């Protein structure tokens, strides 16, 4: 297969022309290559941190309602 040489700007312009799902596939491939965490992985890590912080406060994350979780998260962010 012949090697095609493109500038970074040309590659970016080509990716911008892709359908949304294909753009996601490109982004996902780049994230895996660079070791960048996906949103899902990031979310899991954040939830683990919230679980640990709530346990330090004597709270059981799994037993908290969504509203209580939101209140706790907001308190921790302040």
PDB file of N, CA and C in Angstrom:
ATOM      1  N   UNK A   1       0.851  -1.173   0.000  1.00  0.00           N
ATOM      2  CA  UNK A   1       0.000   0.000   0.000  1.00  0.00           C
ATOM      3  C   UNK A   1       0.900   1.239   0.000  1.00  0.00           C
ATOM      4  N   UNK A   2       0.633   2.174  -0.902  1.00  0.00           N
ATOM      5  CA  UNK A   2       1.459   3.387  -0.946  1.00  0.00           C
ATOM      6  C   UNK A   2       1.251   4.239   0.302  1.00  0.00           C
ATOM      7  N   UNK A   3       2.303   4.936   0.691  1.00  0.00           N
ATOM      8  CA  UNK A   3       2.243   5.800   1.865  1.00  0.00           C
ATOM      9  C   UNK A   3       1.748   7.172   1.448  1.00  0.00           C
ATOM     10  N   UNK A   4       0.729   7.648   2.129  1.00  0.00           N
ATOM     11  CA  UNK A   4       0.151   8.952   1.862  1.00  0.00           C
ATOM     12  C   UNK A   4       0.665   9.924   2.909  1.00  0.00           C
ATOM     13  N   UNK A   5       1.241  11.017   2.488  1.00  0.00           N
ATOM     14  CA  UNK A   5       1.768  11.996   3.432  1.00  0.00           C
ATOM     15  C   UNK A   5       0.828  13.195   3.500  1.00  0.00           C
ATOM     16  N   UNK A   6       0.337  13.458   4.717  1.00  0.00           N
ATOM     17  CA  UNK A   6      -0.577  14.562   4.957  1.00  0.00           C
ATOM     18  C   UNK A   6      -0.058  15.404   6.110  1.00  0.00           C
ATOM     19  N   UNK A   7      -0.433  16.660   6.105  1.00  0.00           N
ATOM     20  CA  UNK A   7      -0.103  17.512   7.249  1.00  0.00           C
ATOM     21  C   UNK A   7      -1.118  17.249   8.358  1.00  0.00           C
ATOM     22  N   UNK A   8      -0.794  17.687   9.544  1.00  0.00           N
ATOM     23  CA  UNK A   8      -1.717  17.544  10.671  1.00  0.00           C
ATOM     24  C   UNK A   8      -3.038  18.247  10.353  1.00  0.00           C
ATOM     25  N   UNK A   9      -2.965  19.429   9.784  1.00  0.00           N
ATOM     26  CA  UNK A   9      -4.188  20.171   9.449  1.00  0.00           C
ATOM     27  C   UNK A   9      -5.033  19.426   8.421  1.00  0.00           C
ATOM     28  N   UNK A  10      -4.399  18.764   7.480  1.00  0.00           N
ATOM     29  CA  UNK A  10      -5.149  17.991   6.495  1.00  0.00           C
ATOM     30  C   UNK A  10      -5.864  16.817   7.158  1.00  0.00           C
ATOM     31  N   UNK A  11      -5.195  16.165   8.084  1.00  0.00           N
ATOM     32  CA  UNK A  11      -5.808  15.046   8.800  1.00  0.00           C
ATOM     33  C   UNK A  11      -6.994  15.543   9.616  1.00  0.00           C
ATOM     34  N   UNK A  12      -6.816  16.651  10.304  1.00  0.00           N
ATOM     35  CA  UNK A  12      -7.906  17.223  11.104  1.00  0.00           C
ATOM     36  C   UNK A  12      -9.097  17.558  10.214  1.00  0.00           C
ATOM     37  N   UNK A  13      -8.833  18.171   9.078  1.00  0.00           N
ATOM     38  CA  UNK A  13      -9.925  18.507   8.150  1.00  0.00           C
ATOM     39  C   UNK A  13     -10.649  17.256   7.659  1.00  0.00           C
ATOM     40  N   UNK A  14      -9.898  16.193   7.402  1.00  0.00           N
ATOM     41  CA  UNK A  14     -10.523  14.943   6.960  1.00  0.00           C
ATOM     42  C   UNK A  14     -11.384  14.331   8.062  1.00  0.00           C
ATOM     43  N   UNK A  15     -10.876  14.330   9.283  1.00  0.00           N
ATOM     44  CA  UNK A  15     -11.634  13.769  10.403  1.00  0.00           C
ATOM     45  C   UNK A  15     -12.916  14.562  10.624  1.00  0.00           C
ATOM     46  N   UNK A  16     -12.853  15.883  10.471  1.00  0.00           N
ATOM     47  CA  UNK A  16     -14.042  16.718  10.646  1.00  0.00           C
ATOM     48  C   UNK A  16     -15.143  16.373   9.652  1.00  0.00           C
ATOM     49  N   UNK A  17     -14.774  15.792   8.517  1.00  0.00           N
ATOM     50  CA  UNK A  17     -15.752  15.436   7.503  1.00  0.00           C
ATOM     51  C   UNK A  17     -16.441  14.098   7.774  1.00  0.00           C
ATOM     52  N   UNK A  18     -15.926  13.345   8.729  1.00  0.00           N
ATOM     53  CA  UNK A  18     -16.490  12.032   9.034  1.00  0.00           C
ATOM     54  C   UNK A  18     -17.831  12.156   9.755  1.00  0.00           C
ATOM     55  N   UNK A  19     -18.667  11.116   9.626  1.00  0.00           N
ATOM     56  CA  UNK A  19     -19.890  11.077  10.436  1.00  0.00           C
ATOM     57  C   UNK A  19     -19.516  10.996  11.920  1.00  0.00           C
ATOM     58  N   UNK A  20     -20.427  11.394  12.775  1.00  0.00           N
ATOM     59  CA  UNK A  20     -20.163  11.477  14.218  1.00  0.00           C
ATOM     60  C   UNK A  20     -19.635  10.164  14.788  1.00  0.00           C
ATOM     61  N   UNK A  21     -20.238   9.034  14.424  1.00  0.00           N
ATOM     62  CA  UNK A  21     -19.805   7.752  14.989  1.00  0.00           C
ATOM     63  C   UNK A  21     -18.380   7.417  14.558  1.00  0.00           C
ATOM     64  N   UNK A  22     -18.001   7.815  13.355  1.00  0.00           N
ATOM     65  CA  UNK A  22     -16.638   7.557  12.892  1.00  0.00           C
ATOM     66  C   UNK A  22     -15.640   8.480  13.586  1.00  0.00           C
ATOM     67  N   UNK A  23     -16.069   9.707  13.880  1.00  0.00           N
ATOM     68  CA  UNK A  23     -15.206  10.608  14.647  1.00  0.00           C
ATOM     69  C   UNK A  23     -14.922  10.010  16.014  1.00  0.00           C
ATOM     70  N   UNK A  24     -15.966   9.425  16.628  1.00  0.00           N
ATOM     71  CA  UNK A  24     -15.791   8.790  17.927  1.00  0.00           C
ATOM     72  C   UNK A  24     -14.802   7.632  17.818  1.00  0.00           C
ATOM     73  N   UNK A  25     -14.888   6.861  16.747  1.00  0.00           N
ATOM     74  CA  UNK A  25     -13.973   5.729  16.558  1.00  0.00           C
ATOM     75  C   UNK A  25     -12.524   6.219  16.452  1.00  0.00           C
ATOM     76  N   UNK A  26     -12.316   7.330  15.748  1.00  0.00           N
ATOM     77  CA  UNK A  26     -10.970   7.908  15.631  1.00  0.00           C
ATOM     78  C   UNK A  26     -10.490   8.371  17.008  1.00  0.00           C
ATOM     79  N   UNK A  27     -11.348   9.068  17.722  1.00  0.00           N
ATOM     80  CA  UNK A  27     -10.987   9.557  19.044  1.00  0.00           C
ATOM     81  C   UNK A  27     -10.673   8.401  19.989  1.00  0.00           C
ATOM     82  N   UNK A  28     -11.484   7.363  19.936  1.00  0.00           N
ATOM     83  CA  UNK A  28     -11.272   6.195  20.784  1.00  0.00           C
ATOM     84  C   UNK A  28      -9.921   5.537  20.467  1.00  0.00           C
ATOM     85  N   UNK A  29      -9.608   5.391  19.195  1.00  0.00           N
ATOM     86  CA  UNK A  29      -8.335   4.785  18.803  1.00  0.00           C
ATOM     87  C   UNK A  29      -7.159   5.625  19.292  1.00  0.00           C
ATOM     88  N   UNK A  30      -7.267   6.939  19.184  1.00  0.00           N
ATOM     89  CA  UNK A  30      -6.200   7.820  19.653  1.00  0.00           C
ATOM     90  C   UNK A  30      -6.075   7.772  21.177  1.00  0.00           C
ATOM     91  N   UNK A  31      -7.201   7.723  21.868  1.00  0.00           N
ATOM     92  CA  UNK A  31      -7.171   7.638  23.333  1.00  0.00           C
ATOM     93  C   UNK A  31      -6.482   6.371  23.793  1.00  0.00           C
ATOM     94  N   UNK A  32      -6.757   5.258  23.123  1.00  0.00           N
ATOM     95  CA  UNK A  32      -6.128   3.995  23.497  1.00  0.00           C
ATOM     96  C   UNK A  32      -4.625   4.043  23.241  1.00  0.00           C
ATOM     97  N   UNK A  33      -4.251   4.650  22.148  1.00  0.00           N
ATOM     98  CA  UNK A  33      -2.832   4.732  21.791  1.00  0.00           C
ATOM     99  C   UNK A  33      -2.050   5.608  22.758  1.00  0.00           C
ATOM    100  N   UNK A  34      -2.676   6.684  23.205  1.00  0.00           N
ATOM    101  CA  UNK A  34      -1.980   7.625  24.081  1.00  0.00           C
ATOM    102  C   UNK A  34      -2.191   7.324  25.559  1.00  0.00           C
ATOM    103  N   UNK A  35      -3.023   6.341  25.860  1.00  0.00           N
ATOM    104  CA  UNK A  35      -3.271   5.982  27.243  1.00  0.00           C
ATOM    105  C   UNK A  35      -4.270   6.893  27.933  1.00  0.00           C
ATOM    106  N   UNK A  36      -4.955   7.737  27.189  1.00  0.00           N
ATOM    107  CA  UNK A  36      -5.958   8.627  27.763  1.00  0.00           C
ATOM    108  C   UNK A  36      -7.182   7.807  28.164  1.00  0.00           C
ATOM    109  N   UNK A  37      -7.712   8.106  29.338  1.00  0.00           N
ATOM    110  CA  UNK A  37      -8.872   7.363  29.820  1.00  0.00           C
ATOM    111  C   UNK A  37     -10.135   7.795  29.094  1.00  0.00           C
ATOM    112  N   UNK A  38     -11.022   6.833  28.902  1.00  0.00           N
ATOM    113  CA  UNK A  38     -12.316   7.150  28.307  1.00  0.00           C
ATOM    114  C   UNK A  38     -13.198   7.808  29.361  1.00  0.00           C
ATOM    115  N   UNK A  39     -14.285   8.366  28.920  1.00  0.00           N
ATOM    116  CA  UNK A  39     -15.219   8.989  29.855  1.00  0.00           C
ATOM    117  C   UNK A  39     -15.741   7.960  30.852  1.00  0.00           C
ATOM    118  N   UNK A  40     -15.972   6.746  30.370  1.00  0.00           N
ATOM    119  CA  UNK A  40     -16.473   5.692  31.250  1.00  0.00           C
ATOM    120  C   UNK A  40     -15.442   5.355  32.335  1.00  0.00           C
ATOM    121  N   UNK A  41     -14.184   5.236  31.935  1.00  0.00           N
ATOM    122  CA  UNK A  41     -13.130   4.950  32.912  1.00  0.00           C
ATOM    123  C   UNK A  41     -12.991   6.094  33.910  1.00  0.00           C
ATOM    124  N   UNK A  42     -13.067   7.315  33.417  1.00  0.00           N
ATOM    125  CA  UNK A  42     -12.982   8.493  34.270  1.00  0.00           C
ATOM    126  C   UNK A  42     -14.128   8.495  35.269  1.00  0.00           C
ATOM    127  N   UNK A  43     -15.320   8.188  34.788  1.00  0.00           N
ATOM    128  CA  UNK A  43     -16.502   8.162  35.641  1.00  0.00           C
ATOM    129  C   UNK A  43     -16.367   7.097  36.727  1.00  0.00           C
ATOM    130  N   UNK A  44     -15.861   5.925  36.358  1.00  0.00           N
ATOM    131  CA  UNK A  44     -15.666   4.851  37.336  1.00  0.00           C
ATOM    132  C   UNK A  44     -14.676   5.270  38.423  1.00  0.00           C
ATOM    133  N   UNK A  45     -13.594   5.921  38.009  1.00  0.00           N
ATOM    134  CA  UNK A  45     -12.604   6.355  38.984  1.00  0.00           C
ATOM    135  C   UNK A  45     -13.196   7.408  39.926  1.00  0.00           C
ATOM    136  N   UNK A  46     -13.962   8.336  39.368  1.00  0.00           N
ATOM    137  CA  UNK A  46     -14.590   9.361  40.198  1.00  0.00           C
ATOM    138  C   UNK A  46     -15.568   8.740  41.191  1.00  0.00           C
ATOM    139  N   UNK A  47     -16.331   7.727  40.737  1.00  0.00           N
ATOM    140  CA  UNK A  47     -17.267   7.070  41.643  1.00  0.00           C
ATOM    141  C   UNK A  47     -16.514   6.351  42.759  1.00  0.00           C
ATOM    142  N   UNK A  48     -15.401   5.715  42.443  1.00  0.00           N
ATOM    143  CA  UNK A  48     -14.596   5.047  43.472  1.00  0.00           C
ATOM    144  C   UNK A  48     -14.100   6.059  44.506  1.00  0.00           C
ATOM    145  N   UNK A  49     -13.695   7.221  44.027  1.00  0.00           N
ATOM    146  CA  UNK A  49     -13.239   8.260  44.947  1.00  0.00           C
ATOM    147  C   UNK A  49     -14.380   8.743  45.837  1.00  0.00           C
ATOM    148  N   UNK A  50     -15.563   8.925  45.261  1.00  0.00           N
ATOM    149  CA  UNK A  50     -16.721   9.350  46.045  1.00  0.00           C
ATOM    150  C   UNK A  50     -17.113   8.291  47.067  1.00  0.00           C
ATOM    151  N   UNK A  51     -17.009   7.020  46.686  1.00  0.00           N
ATOM    152  CA  UNK A  51     -17.297   5.930  47.623  1.00  0.00           C
ATOM    153  C   UNK A  51     -16.341   5.996  48.821  1.00  0.00           C
ATOM    154  N   UNK A  52     -15.055   6.183  48.526  1.00  0.00           N
ATOM    155  CA  UNK A  52     -14.051   6.236  49.593  1.00  0.00           C
ATOM    156  C   UNK A  52     -14.289   7.433  50.504  1.00  0.00           C
ATOM    157  N   UNK A  53     -14.580   8.590  49.906  1.00  0.00           N
ATOM    158  CA  UNK A  53     -14.820   9.795  50.709  1.00  0.00           C
ATOM    159  C   UNK A  53     -16.086   9.670  51.555  1.00  0.00           C
ATOM    160  N   UNK A  54     -17.114   9.043  50.999  1.00  0.00           N
ATOM    161  CA  UNK A  54     -18.340   8.874  51.784  1.00  0.00           C
ATOM    162  C   UNK A  54     -18.103   7.876  52.917  1.00  0.00           C
ATOM    163  N   UNK A  55     -17.315   6.838  52.669  1.00  0.00           N
ATOM    164  CA  UNK A  55     -17.005   5.866  53.725  1.00  0.00           C
ATOM    165  C   UNK A  55     -16.241   6.537  54.865  1.00  0.00           C
ATOM    166  N   UNK A  56     -15.337   7.479  54.524  1.00  0.00           N
ATOM    167  CA  UNK A  56     -14.599   8.209  55.556  1.00  0.00           C
ATOM    168  C   UNK A  56     -15.547   9.011  56.450  1.00  0.00           C
ATOM    169  N   UNK A  57     -16.695   9.367  55.890  1.00  0.00           N
ATOM    170  CA  UNK A  57     -17.685  10.140  56.643  1.00  0.00           C
ATOM    171  C   UNK A  57     -18.750   9.239  57.274  1.00  0.00           C
ATOM    172  N   UNK A  58     -18.512   7.934  57.211  1.00  0.00           N
ATOM    173  CA  UNK A  58     -19.445   6.984  57.804  1.00  0.00           C
ATOM    174  C   UNK A  58     -20.702   6.762  56.983  1.00  0.00           C
ATOM    175  N   UNK A  59     -20.653   7.078  55.702  1.00  0.00           N
ATOM    176  CA  UNK A  59     -21.818   6.925  54.830  1.00  0.00           C
ATOM    177  C   UNK A  59     -21.606   5.762  53.863  1.00  0.00           C
ATOM    178  N   UNK A  60     -22.685   5.079  53.536  1.00  0.00           N
ATOM    179  CA  UNK A  60     -22.645   3.981  52.571  1.00  0.00           C
ATOM    180  C   UNK A  60     -23.156   4.510  51.233  1.00  0.00           C
ATOM    181  N   UNK A  61     -22.272   4.683  50.289  1.00  0.00           N
ATOM    182  CA  UNK A  61     -22.593   5.247  48.979  1.00  0.00           C
ATOM    183  C   UNK A  61     -23.764   4.517  48.329  1.00  0.00           C
ATOM    184  N   UNK A  62     -23.774   3.184  48.432  1.00  0.00           N
ATOM    185  CA  UNK A  62     -24.815   2.387  47.776  1.00  0.00           C
ATOM    186  C   UNK A  62     -26.197   2.606  48.375  1.00  0.00           C
ATOM    187  N   UNK A  63     -26.242   3.024  49.625  1.00  0.00           N
ATOM    188  CA  UNK A  63     -27.534   3.240  50.282  1.00  0.00           C
ATOM    189  C   UNK A  63     -28.036   4.676  50.153  1.00  0.00           C
ATOM    190  N   UNK A  64     -27.198   5.566  49.638  1.00  0.00           N
ATOM    191  CA  UNK A  64     -27.612   6.961  49.460  1.00  0.00           C
ATOM    192  C   UNK A  64     -28.529   7.085  48.251  1.00  0.00           C
ATOM    193  N   UNK A  65     -29.523   7.940  48.357  1.00  0.00           N
ATOM    194  CA  UNK A  65     -30.373   8.232  47.203  1.00  0.00           C
ATOM    195  C   UNK A  65     -29.580   9.096  46.217  1.00  0.00           C
ATOM    196  N   UNK A  66     -30.088   9.219  45.019  1.00  0.00           N
ATOM    197  CA  UNK A  66     -29.420  10.071  44.024  1.00  0.00           C
ATOM    198  C   UNK A  66     -29.298  11.502  44.539  1.00  0.00           C
ATOM    199  N   UNK A  67     -30.361  11.991  45.184  1.00  0.00           N
ATOM    200  CA  UNK A  67     -30.334  13.349  45.729  1.00  0.00           C
ATOM    201  C   UNK A  67     -29.258  13.483  46.808  1.00  0.00           C
ATOM    202  N   UNK A  68     -29.188  12.474  47.686  1.00  0.00           N
ATOM    203  CA  UNK A  68     -28.174  12.520  48.748  1.00  0.00           C
ATOM    204  C   UNK A  68     -26.762  12.444  48.164  1.00  0.00           C
ATOM    205  N   UNK A  69     -26.604  11.659  47.108  1.00  0.00           N
ATOM    206  CA  UNK A  69     -25.293  11.576  46.447  1.00  0.00           C
ATOM    207  C   UNK A  69     -24.909  12.932  45.854  1.00  0.00           C
ATOM    208  N   UNK A  70     -25.883  13.589  45.236  1.00  0.00           N
ATOM    209  CA  UNK A  70     -25.623  14.911  44.656  1.00  0.00           C
ATOM    210  C   UNK A  70     -25.232  15.918  45.734  1.00  0.00           C
ATOM    211  N   UNK A  71     -25.951  15.879  46.862  1.00  0.00           N
ATOM    212  CA  UNK A  71     -25.655  16.793  47.967  1.00  0.00           C
ATOM    213  C   UNK A  71     -24.245  16.537  48.482  1.00  0.00           C
ATOM    214  N   UNK A  72     -23.901  15.272  48.685  1.00  0.00           N
ATOM    215  CA  UNK A  72     -22.569  14.930  49.173  1.00  0.00           C
ATOM    216  C   UNK A  72     -21.493  15.377  48.190  1.00  0.00           C
ATOM    217  N   UNK A  73     -21.691  15.093  46.908  1.00  0.00           N
ATOM    218  CA  UNK A  73     -20.707  15.481  45.898  1.00  0.00           C
ATOM    219  C   UNK A  73     -20.519  16.996  45.884  1.00  0.00           C
ATOM    220  N   UNK A  74     -21.617  17.737  45.974  1.00  0.00           N
ATOM    221  CA  UNK A  74     -21.518  19.201  45.997  1.00  0.00           C
ATOM    222  C   UNK A  74     -20.774  19.698  47.224  1.00  0.00           C
ATOM    223  N   UNK A  75     -21.015  19.072  48.379  1.00  0.00           N
ATOM    224  CA  UNK A  75     -20.299  19.461  49.598  1.00  0.00           C
ATOM    225  C   UNK A  75     -18.805  19.189  49.455  1.00  0.00           C
ATOM    226  N   UNK A  76     -18.462  18.076  48.834  1.00  0.00           N
ATOM    227  CA  UNK A  76     -17.054  17.715  48.677  1.00  0.00           C
ATOM    228  C   UNK A  76     -16.334  18.638  47.693  1.00  0.00           C
ATOM    229  N   UNK A  77     -17.066  19.166  46.746  1.00  0.00           N
ATOM    230  CA  UNK A  77     -16.463  20.045  45.739  1.00  0.00           C
ATOM    231  C   UNK A  77     -16.243  21.460  46.251  1.00  0.00           C
ATOM    232  N   UNK A  78     -16.909  21.829  47.319  1.00  0.00           N
ATOM    233  CA  UNK A  78     -16.782  23.185  47.856  1.00  0.00           C
ATOM    234  C   UNK A  78     -15.627  23.309  48.778  1.00  0.00           C
TER     235      UNK A  78
END
